[in-house]
Protein backbone atom coordinates (compact mmCIF):
# COMPACT_ATOMS: atom_id res chain seq x y z
CA UNK A 1 0.00 0.00 0.00
CA UNK A 2 2.82 2.38 0.96
CA UNK A 3 4.57 1.83 -2.37
CA UNK A 4 1.37 2.43 -4.30
CA UNK A 5 0.93 5.77 -2.50
CA UNK A 6 4.57 6.67 -3.18
CA UNK A 7 4.26 5.81 -6.86
CA UNK A 8 1.06 7.86 -7.05
CA UNK A 9 2.78 10.84 -5.45
CA UNK A 10 5.73 10.56 -7.83
CA UNK A 11 3.36 10.32 -10.80
CA UNK A 12 1.49 13.41 -9.63
CA UNK A 13 4.77 15.19 -9.11
CA UNK A 14 5.80 14.37 -12.64
CA UNK A 15 2.45 15.55 -13.96
CA UNK A 16 2.68 18.72 -11.89
CA UNK A 17 6.14 19.45 -13.22
CA UNK A 18 5.10 19.00 -16.85
CA UNK A 19 3.25 22.29 -17.14
CA UNK A 20 6.00 24.89 -16.83
CA UNK A 21 7.87 23.00 -14.11
CA UNK A 22 5.79 24.37 -11.23
CA UNK A 23 3.90 22.42 -8.59
CA UNK A 24 0.30 23.26 -7.91
CA UNK A 25 -1.81 22.87 -4.80
CA UNK A 26 -2.94 19.33 -5.65
CA UNK A 27 0.60 17.99 -5.98
CA UNK A 28 1.81 19.80 -2.87
CA UNK A 29 -1.16 18.39 -0.99
CA UNK A 30 -0.16 14.87 -2.10
CA UNK A 31 3.41 15.50 -0.91
CA UNK A 32 2.12 16.77 2.43
CA UNK A 33 -0.08 13.69 2.80
CA UNK A 34 2.86 11.39 2.05
CA UNK A 35 5.05 13.15 4.61
CA UNK A 36 2.26 13.07 7.18
CA UNK A 37 1.90 9.33 6.67
CA UNK A 38 5.64 8.62 6.95
CA UNK A 39 6.02 10.77 10.06
CA UNK A 40 2.93 9.35 11.78
CA UNK A 41 4.04 5.80 11.04
CA UNK A 42 7.49 6.64 12.41
CA UNK A 43 5.91 8.04 15.57
CA UNK A 44 4.02 4.78 16.06
CA UNK A 45 7.23 2.82 15.56
CA UNK A 46 8.98 4.99 18.15
CA UNK A 47 6.17 4.25 20.59
CA UNK A 48 6.63 0.53 19.91
CA UNK A 49 10.37 0.85 20.59
CA UNK A 50 9.70 2.57 23.90
CA UNK A 51 7.08 -0.03 24.89
CA UNK A 52 9.24 -2.97 23.82
CA UNK A 53 6.66 -4.15 21.25
CA UNK A 54 9.08 -4.45 18.34
CA UNK A 55 12.34 -6.16 17.49
CA UNK A 56 15.58 -4.40 16.54
CA UNK A 57 15.54 -6.06 13.12
CA UNK A 58 11.99 -4.92 12.38
CA UNK A 59 12.75 -1.43 13.69
CA UNK A 60 15.82 -1.05 11.48
CA UNK A 61 14.07 -2.34 8.36
CA UNK A 62 10.81 -0.46 8.78
CA UNK A 63 12.53 2.82 9.67
CA UNK A 64 14.82 2.37 6.64
CA UNK A 65 11.78 1.94 4.39
CA UNK A 66 10.11 5.02 5.88
CA UNK A 67 13.38 6.99 5.62
CA UNK A 68 13.69 6.07 1.95
CA UNK A 69 10.15 7.25 1.20
CA UNK A 70 10.61 10.51 3.12
CA UNK A 71 13.99 11.12 1.47
CA UNK A 72 12.41 10.76 -1.97
CA UNK A 73 9.78 13.35 -1.09
CA UNK A 74 12.52 15.59 0.32
CA UNK A 75 14.58 15.32 -2.87
CA UNK A 76 11.53 16.11 -5.02
CA UNK A 77 10.66 19.17 -2.95
CA UNK A 78 14.24 20.49 -2.94
CA UNK A 79 14.30 20.70 -6.72
CA UNK A 80 10.68 21.79 -7.18
CA UNK A 81 9.24 25.18 -7.96
CA UNK A 82 5.74 26.12 -6.88
CA UNK A 83 3.06 28.10 -8.62
CA UNK A 84 2.81 31.71 -7.43
CA UNK A 85 1.52 31.99 -3.90
CA UNK A 86 2.57 28.48 -2.90
CA UNK A 87 6.32 29.00 -2.57
CA UNK A 88 6.16 29.42 1.21
CA UNK A 89 4.23 26.19 1.65
CA UNK A 90 6.67 24.38 -0.62
CA UNK A 91 9.64 25.57 1.48
CA UNK A 92 7.88 24.65 4.75
CA UNK A 93 7.14 21.17 3.40
CA UNK A 94 10.76 20.88 2.29
CA UNK A 95 11.95 21.73 5.82
CA UNK A 96 9.53 19.21 7.32
CA UNK A 97 10.66 16.55 4.84
CA UNK A 98 14.28 17.13 5.84
CA UNK A 99 13.37 16.82 9.52
CA UNK A 100 11.28 13.67 8.97
CA UNK A 101 13.97 12.03 6.88
CA UNK A 102 16.62 12.76 9.53
CA UNK A 103 14.46 11.55 12.42
CA UNK A 104 13.47 8.36 10.61
CA UNK A 105 17.12 7.60 9.93
CA UNK A 106 17.90 8.07 13.65
CA UNK A 107 14.92 5.91 14.60
CA UNK A 108 16.49 2.79 13.11
CA UNK A 109 19.24 2.85 15.73
CA UNK A 110 17.38 4.54 18.56
CA UNK A 111 17.51 3.26 22.09
CA UNK A 112 14.44 2.91 24.27
CA UNK A 113 15.47 6.15 25.99
CA UNK A 114 15.68 8.09 22.71
CA UNK A 115 12.35 6.84 21.40
CA UNK A 116 10.03 9.29 23.24
CA UNK A 117 11.81 12.37 21.86
CA UNK A 118 11.77 10.92 18.35
CA UNK A 119 8.08 10.10 18.71
CA UNK A 120 7.32 13.70 19.72
CA UNK A 121 9.36 15.11 16.82
CA UNK A 122 7.76 12.81 14.27
CA UNK A 123 4.26 13.43 15.61
CA UNK A 124 4.84 17.20 15.43
CA UNK A 125 6.06 16.83 11.85
CA UNK A 126 3.00 14.73 10.96
CA UNK A 127 0.71 17.40 12.38
CA UNK A 128 2.57 20.21 10.59
CA UNK A 129 2.39 18.32 7.28
CA UNK A 130 -1.30 17.68 7.76
CA UNK A 131 -1.95 21.35 8.49
CA UNK A 132 -0.13 22.46 5.34
CA UNK A 133 -1.97 19.84 3.28
CA UNK A 134 -5.34 20.95 4.61
CA UNK A 135 -4.47 24.54 3.77
CA UNK A 136 -4.00 23.55 0.14
CA UNK A 137 -7.54 22.22 -0.36
């Protein structure tokens, strides 16, 4: 399911870039939704680390998958241009994507003691992404 969403986002990004190379509200909203999903899933994984409900192997693999997805969104946003009036939201999403990517990478090797802080950071990023996405509708 995650890969289908990622492929859909990348397809929309490509379609959004075709018309003059600028992203519109719909494509930015898709990017925000993808980031929100990755960050929220990472926050749940951090909670599982803290509670002892996951294995180290699963944690490393799942956080690596989430990191890869968030890094792809980050790379797309870094090179993107937005339609007039959306540049600020694009840059805020880019900053969130960078933060999510970094935190998800850290999550793969996080100790039980580090997990609560990572959960809070990822949850805050999920909420910020969601707020930006809702503002694009």
